[in-house]
Structure formats: structure tokens, C-alpha cells
Amino acid sequence: MSQEKEIKKEQEEVEEALKENEAQSEDAVENENTAEASKETADADTTDKASEEVKEEGKKSLFGKKKNPLQDKLDDMTDKYKRQLAEFENFRNRTEKEKSQMFDAGAGNVLTKILPVVDNFERGLAAVPEDKKDDSLVQGFDMIYKQLLKTLEDMDVKPIEALGKEFDPNLHNAVMQVESDEYEEGIVAQELQKGYTYHDTVIRHSMVAVAK
């Protein structure tokens, strides 16, 4: 009888062990399923996030950055400022050029009135006899004449070379033709009145006689 009890007890223990093993197997399967579900959920979340990022990048690439009204206004004001600054610079340069031209025109008018005075100095000094050139009065006039020429030179007033040069209508004013053994035809043989330039612009042509 005791042997039957022992056999029965062993059977119960085996059945209990089988039930426990089965329960553990079910828990393991359930845990595995839960883990797989969590992994699938995480993968789905990652995929959705990546998709959203791709969409955002696509929007940025298609439409660019979001516009900033303040930045647009600043850019517009900066552009207007640069244009106005350029216009003012052009106006200032144009004004300076006009002032320079007006000054040159006014200076040219004054110089053309001074040149006859220079001519008179030259004629008067040329008429002085050789024995009178050492007189103090003549030397005084000569000093004034040279000072006048120096002043004109400092103002960039230069005499035009004429005698012995080929006739140039831009520089010379031919009033006659003369026979000349010294100069060839078309060469200035006589300078009747000296011409001058101011800043390389003719303010008085040389009055000349041309060899024929």
C-alpha cells in the first residue's frame, strides 16, 4: 500500500513539473511576442519619424527657408540705401566735373584778356636798343615780364610751338603764304602772334605765315 502511495506521489510530482514547465513555456512565448511587438512598434515609430524628416527636407528643398518679413524689409531698405548712395556719388562727380569745366571756362576767358598784355611786353622789350638793355627800367620791365610768364606756366598755360613746325590747323591760324628758302612748303615760316594752350586746350591759335 505504501508502494502505491509512493508511485502516486511520483506521478503527481511529474504532472506538477510538467504543468510548471508548460507555464514557463507559455510565459516565454508571451514575453517573446511582447518583445517582438515592441520592436515592431519602435521600428514603425522610427520609420514614421524618418519619413517626416524626409518630407520636411523635401519641403525645404522645394520651397526654401521660411520667409522672414523683417529680413525682407531690411534687405529692401539696404538695397534702396545702396542705390541712393550710388546716385549721390554720381551726382557729386557730375557736379565736380561741371564746376571744373566752369572754372576752366572762366579762367580761359581771363587768360585770353591777359595774353595781349604779354604780347605788349614782348613787343616793348624787342624794341629796346642793345645799348639800353642794361638800364634799370628795362631790366625792371623784363623781370615783370618773366614773372608774368612764370605765373602763366604755373597755371599750365603753355606757348604753342609754331616756327619751323608743320602747319597744323588745330594749333595754327595761317594768315598768309610766303616765299622761303629756309623752309619747305607747308612749314610755318613766320610767327606773327604767339599762341597758347591751357590744360592742353587751345585758348589762342598761333597766327602764322606758311611757306609756299
C-alpha atoms as a PDB file:
ATOM      1  CA  MET A   1       0.000   0.000   0.000  1.00  0.00           C
ATOM      2  CA  SER A   2       2.792   2.331   0.789  1.00  0.00           C
ATOM      3  CA  GLN A   3       4.338   1.490  -2.545  1.00  0.00           C
ATOM      4  CA  GLU A   4       1.198   2.604  -4.373  1.00  0.00           C
ATOM      5  CA  LYS A   5       1.233   5.877  -2.472  1.00  0.00           C
ATOM      6  CA  GLU A   6       4.790   6.493  -3.455  1.00  0.00           C
ATOM      7  CA  ILE A   7       4.037   5.755  -7.122  1.00  0.00           C
ATOM      8  CA  LYS A   8       1.034   8.061  -6.967  1.00  0.00           C
ATOM      9  CA  LYS A   9       3.124  10.759  -5.323  1.00  0.00           C
ATOM     10  CA  GLU A  10       5.750  10.480  -8.022  1.00  0.00           C
ATOM     11  CA  GLN A  11       3.077  10.755 -10.709  1.00  0.00           C
ATOM     12  CA  GLU A  12       1.720  13.888  -9.040  1.00  0.00           C
ATOM     13  CA  GLU A  13       5.203  15.391  -8.884  1.00  0.00           C
ATOM     14  CA  VAL A  14       5.793  14.618 -12.568  1.00  0.00           C
ATOM     15  CA  GLU A  15       2.451  16.163 -13.500  1.00  0.00           C
ATOM     16  CA  GLU A  16       3.257  19.218 -11.368  1.00  0.00           C
ATOM     17  CA  ALA A  17       6.638  19.533 -13.069  1.00  0.00           C
ATOM     18  CA  LEU A  18       5.006  19.211 -16.478  1.00  0.00           C
ATOM     19  CA  LYS A  19       2.469  21.910 -15.611  1.00  0.00           C
ATOM     20  CA  GLU A  20       5.187  24.214 -14.323  1.00  0.00           C
ATOM     21  CA  ASN A  21       7.275  23.637 -17.443  1.00  0.00           C
ATOM     22  CA  GLU A  22       4.280  24.302 -19.642  1.00  0.00           C
ATOM     23  CA  ALA A  23       3.534  27.513 -17.738  1.00  0.00           C
ATOM     24  CA  GLN A  24       7.115  28.700 -18.135  1.00  0.00           C
ATOM     25  CA  SER A  25       6.984  27.928 -21.855  1.00  0.00           C
ATOM     26  CA  GLU A  26       3.808  29.974 -22.228  1.00  0.00           C
ATOM     27  CA  ASP A  27       5.397  32.904 -20.324  1.00  0.00           C
ATOM     28  CA  ALA A  28       8.469  32.722 -22.545  1.00  0.00           C
ATOM     29  CA  VAL A  29       6.357  32.718 -25.684  1.00  0.00           C
ATOM     30  CA  GLU A  30       4.281  35.634 -24.385  1.00  0.00           C
ATOM     31  CA  ASN A  31       7.414  37.617 -23.483  1.00  0.00           C
ATOM     32  CA  GLU A  32       8.864  36.910 -26.883  1.00  0.00           C
ATOM     33  CA  ASN A  33       5.687  38.060 -28.578  1.00  0.00           C
ATOM     34  CA  THR A  34       5.653  41.209 -26.436  1.00  0.00           C
ATOM     35  CA  ALA A  35       9.267  41.952 -27.305  1.00  0.00           C
ATOM     36  CA  GLU A  36       8.587  41.435 -30.988  1.00  0.00           C
ATOM     37  CA  ALA A  37       5.547  43.712 -30.787  1.00  0.00           C
ATOM     38  CA  SER A  38       7.565  46.403 -29.000  1.00  0.00           C
ATOM     39  CA  LYS A  39      10.294  46.099 -31.585  1.00  0.00           C
ATOM     40  CA  GLU A  40       7.791  46.400 -34.412  1.00  0.00           C
ATOM     41  CA  THR A  41       6.252  49.453 -32.726  1.00  0.00           C
ATOM     42  CA  ALA A  42       9.695  51.065 -32.281  1.00  0.00           C
ATOM     43  CA  ASP A  43      10.595  50.275 -35.884  1.00  0.00           C
ATOM     44  CA  ALA A  44       7.313  51.774 -37.040  1.00  0.00           C
ATOM     45  CA  ASP A  45       7.935  54.924 -34.974  1.00  0.00           C
ATOM     46  CA  THR A  46      11.468  55.228 -36.390  1.00  0.00           C
ATOM     47  CA  THR A  47      10.173  54.758 -39.938  1.00  0.00           C
ATOM     48  CA  ASP A  48       7.451  57.376 -39.406  1.00  0.00           C
ATOM     49  CA  LYS A  49       9.982  59.838 -37.970  1.00  0.00           C
ATOM     50  CA  ALA A  50      12.368  59.266 -40.856  1.00  0.00           C
ATOM     51  CA  SER A  51       9.510  59.774 -43.301  1.00  0.00           C
ATOM     52  CA  GLU A  52       8.567  63.036 -41.603  1.00  0.00           C
ATOM     53  CA  GLU A  53      12.192  64.224 -41.757  1.00  0.00           C
ATOM     54  CA  VAL A  54      12.399  63.343 -45.447  1.00  0.00           C
ATOM     55  CA  LYS A  55       9.164  65.231 -46.091  1.00  0.00           C
ATOM     56  CA  GLU A  56      10.456  68.266 -44.195  1.00  0.00           C
ATOM     57  CA  GLU A  57      13.732  68.202 -46.125  1.00  0.00           C
ATOM     58  CA  GLY A  58      11.772  67.888 -49.357  1.00  0.00           C
ATOM     59  CA  LYS A  59       9.666  70.888 -48.441  1.00  0.00           C
ATOM     60  CA  LYS A  60      12.786  72.917 -47.616  1.00  0.00           C
ATOM     61  CA  SER A  61      14.451  71.929 -50.880  1.00  0.00           C
ATOM     62  CA  LEU A  62      11.344  72.767 -52.887  1.00  0.00           C
ATOM     63  CA  PHE A  63      10.236  75.923 -51.169  1.00  0.00           C
ATOM     64  CA  GLY A  64      13.396  77.063 -49.357  1.00  0.00           C
ATOM     65  CA  LYS A  65      13.510  78.509 -45.908  1.00  0.00           C
ATOM     66  CA  LYS A  66      10.509  80.155 -44.378  1.00  0.00           C
ATOM     67  CA  LYS A  67      10.398  83.831 -45.254  1.00  0.00           C
ATOM     68  CA  ASN A  68      11.144  86.369 -42.544  1.00  0.00           C
ATOM     69  CA  PRO A  69       9.216  89.645 -43.089  1.00  0.00           C
ATOM     70  CA  LEU A  70      11.702  91.649 -41.023  1.00  0.00           C
ATOM     71  CA  GLN A  71      14.666  90.273 -43.004  1.00  0.00           C
ATOM     72  CA  ASP A  72      12.879  91.028 -46.299  1.00  0.00           C
ATOM     73  CA  LYS A  73      12.226  94.603 -45.135  1.00  0.00           C
ATOM     74  CA  LEU A  74      15.850  95.002 -44.062  1.00  0.00           C
ATOM     75  CA  ASP A  75      17.097  93.697 -47.420  1.00  0.00           C
ATOM     76  CA  ASP A  76      14.771  96.098 -49.256  1.00  0.00           C
ATOM     77  CA  MET A  77      15.938  99.096 -47.190  1.00  0.00           C
ATOM     78  CA  THR A  78      19.587  98.094 -47.701  1.00  0.00           C
ATOM     79  CA  ASP A  79      19.064  97.890 -51.461  1.00  0.00           C
ATOM     80  CA  LYS A  80      17.395 101.322 -51.525  1.00  0.00           C
ATOM     81  CA  TYR A  81      20.237 102.787 -49.457  1.00  0.00           C
ATOM     82  CA  LYS A  82      22.862 101.401 -51.836  1.00  0.00           C
ATOM     83  CA  ARG A  83      21.018 102.797 -54.867  1.00  0.00           C
ATOM     84  CA  GLN A  84      20.641 106.237 -53.288  1.00  0.00           C
ATOM     85  CA  LEU A  85      24.304 106.218 -52.287  1.00  0.00           C
ATOM     86  CA  ALA A  86      25.331 105.383 -55.866  1.00  0.00           C
ATOM     87  CA  GLU A  87      23.055 108.129 -57.233  1.00  0.00           C
ATOM     88  CA  PHE A  88      24.519 110.660 -54.806  1.00  0.00           C
ATOM     89  CA  GLU A  89      28.065 109.655 -55.775  1.00  0.00           C
ATOM     90  CA  ASN A  90      27.196 110.117 -59.463  1.00  0.00           C
ATOM     91  CA  PHE A  91      25.621 113.497 -58.705  1.00  0.00           C
ATOM     92  CA  ARG A  92      28.695 114.628 -56.766  1.00  0.00           C
ATOM     93  CA  ASN A  93      31.056 113.529 -59.546  1.00  0.00           C
ATOM     94  CA  ARG A  94      28.903 115.245 -62.154  1.00  0.00           C
ATOM     95  CA  THR A  95      28.777 118.427 -60.069  1.00  0.00           C
ATOM     96  CA  GLU A  96      32.543 118.425 -59.582  1.00  0.00           C
ATOM     97  CA  LYS A  97      33.051 117.963 -63.306  1.00  0.00           C
ATOM     98  CA  GLU A  98      30.675 120.811 -64.123  1.00  0.00           C
ATOM     99  CA  LYS A  99      32.380 123.087 -61.588  1.00  0.00           C
ATOM    100  CA  SER A 100      35.769 122.234 -63.068  1.00  0.00           C
ATOM    101  CA  GLN A 101      34.510 122.960 -66.573  1.00  0.00           C
ATOM    102  CA  MET A 102      33.002 126.259 -65.448  1.00  0.00           C
ATOM    103  CA  PHE A 103      36.233 127.208 -63.709  1.00  0.00           C
ATOM    104  CA  ASP A 104      38.300 126.316 -66.759  1.00  0.00           C
ATOM    105  CA  ALA A 105      35.957 128.309 -68.990  1.00  0.00           C
ATOM    106  CA  GLY A 106      36.177 131.329 -66.659  1.00  0.00           C
ATOM    107  CA  ALA A 107      39.952 131.009 -66.355  1.00  0.00           C
ATOM    108  CA  GLY A 108      40.232 130.714 -70.132  1.00  0.00           C
ATOM    109  CA  ASN A 109      38.309 133.958 -70.593  1.00  0.00           C
ATOM    110  CA  VAL A 110      40.558 135.765 -68.132  1.00  0.00           C
ATOM    111  CA  LEU A 111      43.709 134.379 -69.719  1.00  0.00           C
ATOM    112  CA  THR A 112      42.690 135.465 -73.207  1.00  0.00           C
ATOM    113  CA  LYS A 113      42.484 139.022 -71.844  1.00  0.00           C
ATOM    114  CA  ILE A 114      45.905 138.759 -70.176  1.00  0.00           C
ATOM    115  CA  LEU A 115      47.689 137.410 -73.262  1.00  0.00           C
ATOM    116  CA  PRO A 116      47.615 140.788 -75.112  1.00  0.00           C
ATOM    117  CA  VAL A 117      49.460 142.265 -72.124  1.00  0.00           C
ATOM    118  CA  VAL A 118      52.137 139.598 -72.577  1.00  0.00           C
ATOM    119  CA  ASP A 119      52.292 140.496 -76.285  1.00  0.00           C
ATOM    120  CA  ASN A 120      52.877 144.168 -75.435  1.00  0.00           C
ATOM    121  CA  PHE A 121      55.694 143.258 -73.032  1.00  0.00           C
ATOM    122  CA  GLU A 122      57.354 141.218 -75.759  1.00  0.00           C
ATOM    123  CA  ARG A 123      56.989 143.958 -78.371  1.00  0.00           C
ATOM    124  CA  GLY A 124      58.280 146.627 -75.993  1.00  0.00           C
ATOM    125  CA  LEU A 125      61.305 144.562 -74.901  1.00  0.00           C
ATOM    126  CA  ALA A 126      62.073 143.608 -78.504  1.00  0.00           C
ATOM    127  CA  ALA A 127      62.142 147.303 -79.474  1.00  0.00           C
ATOM    128  CA  VAL A 128      64.741 148.232 -76.829  1.00  0.00           C
ATOM    129  CA  PRO A 129      68.125 149.068 -78.422  1.00  0.00           C
ATOM    130  CA  GLU A 130      71.073 146.915 -77.447  1.00  0.00           C
ATOM    131  CA  ASP A 131      72.801 149.781 -75.620  1.00  0.00           C
ATOM    132  CA  LYS A 132      69.685 150.354 -73.453  1.00  0.00           C
ATOM    133  CA  LYS A 133      69.067 146.802 -72.308  1.00  0.00           C
ATOM    134  CA  ASP A 134      71.170 147.255 -69.179  1.00  0.00           C
ATOM    135  CA  ASP A 135      69.112 150.191 -67.973  1.00  0.00           C
ATOM    136  CA  SER A 136      67.375 149.588 -64.638  1.00  0.00           C
ATOM    137  CA  LEU A 137      63.971 150.485 -66.105  1.00  0.00           C
ATOM    138  CA  VAL A 138      64.314 147.979 -68.926  1.00  0.00           C
ATOM    139  CA  GLN A 139      65.540 145.299 -66.524  1.00  0.00           C
ATOM    140  CA  GLY A 140      62.567 146.029 -64.262  1.00  0.00           C
ATOM    141  CA  PHE A 141      60.152 145.525 -67.155  1.00  0.00           C
ATOM    142  CA  ASP A 142      61.977 142.341 -68.104  1.00  0.00           C
ATOM    143  CA  MET A 143      61.615 140.991 -64.549  1.00  0.00           C
ATOM    144  CA  ILE A 144      57.878 141.735 -64.562  1.00  0.00           C
ATOM    145  CA  TYR A 145      57.546 140.017 -67.933  1.00  0.00           C
ATOM    146  CA  LYS A 146      59.363 136.898 -66.691  1.00  0.00           C
ATOM    147  CA  GLN A 147      57.268 136.830 -63.519  1.00  0.00           C
ATOM    148  CA  LEU A 148      54.118 137.002 -65.631  1.00  0.00           C
ATOM    149  CA  LEU A 149      55.322 134.116 -67.792  1.00  0.00           C
ATOM    150  CA  LYS A 150      56.130 132.079 -64.666  1.00  0.00           C
ATOM    151  CA  THR A 151      52.650 132.701 -63.298  1.00  0.00           C
ATOM    152  CA  LEU A 152      51.090 131.546 -66.550  1.00  0.00           C
ATOM    153  CA  GLU A 153      53.312 128.470 -66.577  1.00  0.00           C
ATOM    154  CA  ASP A 154      52.219 127.589 -63.031  1.00  0.00           C
ATOM    155  CA  MET A 155      48.614 127.755 -64.275  1.00  0.00           C
ATOM    156  CA  ASP A 156      49.522 125.250 -67.011  1.00  0.00           C
ATOM    157  CA  VAL A 157      49.445 127.906 -69.732  1.00  0.00           C
ATOM    158  CA  LYS A 158      51.997 126.980 -72.376  1.00  0.00           C
ATOM    159  CA  PRO A 159      53.084 128.659 -75.636  1.00  0.00           C
ATOM    160  CA  ILE A 160      52.434 126.751 -78.850  1.00  0.00           C
ATOM    161  CA  GLU A 161      55.480 125.832 -80.892  1.00  0.00           C
ATOM    162  CA  ALA A 162      54.985 127.137 -84.417  1.00  0.00           C
ATOM    163  CA  LEU A 163      58.134 128.357 -86.178  1.00  0.00           C
ATOM    164  CA  GLY A 164      59.680 125.566 -88.255  1.00  0.00           C
ATOM    165  CA  LYS A 165      56.805 123.194 -87.490  1.00  0.00           C
ATOM    166  CA  GLU A 166      54.434 121.661 -89.998  1.00  0.00           C
ATOM    167  CA  PHE A 167      51.264 123.678 -90.294  1.00  0.00           C
ATOM    168  CA  ASP A 168      48.523 122.270 -88.038  1.00  0.00           C
ATOM    169  CA  PRO A 169      45.063 123.875 -88.338  1.00  0.00           C
ATOM    170  CA  ASN A 170      44.274 122.699 -84.802  1.00  0.00           C
ATOM    171  CA  LEU A 171      47.101 124.863 -83.430  1.00  0.00           C
ATOM    172  CA  HIS A 172      47.909 127.456 -86.103  1.00  0.00           C
ATOM    173  CA  ASN A 173      45.954 130.137 -87.886  1.00  0.00           C
ATOM    174  CA  ALA A 174      47.538 130.811 -91.282  1.00  0.00           C
ATOM    175  CA  VAL A 175      47.024 134.399 -92.418  1.00  0.00           C
ATOM    176  CA  MET A 176      49.356 134.359 -95.418  1.00  0.00           C
ATOM    177  CA  GLN A 177      51.780 132.334 -97.513  1.00  0.00           C
ATOM    178  CA  VAL A 178      55.346 133.480 -98.101  1.00  0.00           C
ATOM    179  CA  GLU A 179      58.302 132.510-100.220  1.00  0.00           C
ATOM    180  CA  SER A 180      61.009 130.852 -98.148  1.00  0.00           C
ATOM    181  CA  ASP A 181      64.419 129.438 -98.941  1.00  0.00           C
ATOM    182  CA  GLU A 182      64.772 128.115 -95.418  1.00  0.00           C
ATOM    183  CA  TYR A 183      61.556 126.133 -95.011  1.00  0.00           C
ATOM    184  CA  GLU A 184      59.749 123.682 -97.245  1.00  0.00           C
ATOM    185  CA  GLU A 185      56.188 124.105 -98.430  1.00  0.00           C
ATOM    186  CA  GLY A 186      53.599 123.661 -95.635  1.00  0.00           C
ATOM    187  CA  ILE A 187      56.056 124.635 -92.889  1.00  0.00           C
ATOM    188  CA  VAL A 188      55.466 127.654 -90.675  1.00  0.00           C
ATOM    189  CA  ALA A 189      57.981 130.258 -91.839  1.00  0.00           C
ATOM    190  CA  GLN A 190      56.924 133.189 -89.606  1.00  0.00           C
ATOM    191  CA  GLU A 191      55.157 133.518 -86.264  1.00  0.00           C
ATOM    192  CA  LEU A 192      53.174 136.752 -86.257  1.00  0.00           C
ATOM    193  CA  GLN A 193      51.459 136.209 -82.896  1.00  0.00           C
ATOM    194  CA  LYS A 194      52.209 133.555 -80.320  1.00  0.00           C
ATOM    195  CA  GLY A 195      49.503 131.019 -79.484  1.00  0.00           C
ATOM    196  CA  TYR A 196      48.824 129.395 -76.122  1.00  0.00           C
ATOM    197  CA  THR A 197      47.182 126.321 -74.607  1.00  0.00           C
ATOM    198  CA  TYR A 198      45.528 125.952 -71.217  1.00  0.00           C
ATOM    199  CA  HIS A 199      45.372 122.410 -69.839  1.00  0.00           C
ATOM    200  CA  ASP A 200      46.269 121.194 -73.333  1.00  0.00           C
ATOM    201  CA  THR A 201      43.308 123.114 -74.774  1.00  0.00           C
ATOM    202  CA  VAL A 202      43.988 125.886 -77.275  1.00  0.00           C
ATOM    203  CA  ILE A 203      42.895 129.249 -75.902  1.00  0.00           C
ATOM    204  CA  ARG A 204      44.547 131.202 -78.717  1.00  0.00           C
ATOM    205  CA  HIS A 205      45.839 129.897 -82.037  1.00  0.00           C
ATOM    206  CA  SER A 206      49.236 130.932 -83.313  1.00  0.00           C
ATOM    207  CA  MET A 207      48.988 133.486 -86.087  1.00  0.00           C
ATOM    208  CA  VAL A 208      51.478 132.323 -88.707  1.00  0.00           C
ATOM    209  CA  ALA A 209      52.736 132.640 -92.262  1.00  0.00           C
ATOM    210  CA  VAL A 210      53.229 129.347 -94.092  1.00  0.00           C
ATOM    211  CA  ALA A 211      55.943 128.686 -96.677  1.00  0.00           C
ATOM    212  CA  LYS A 212      54.726 128.015-100.192  1.00  0.00           C
END
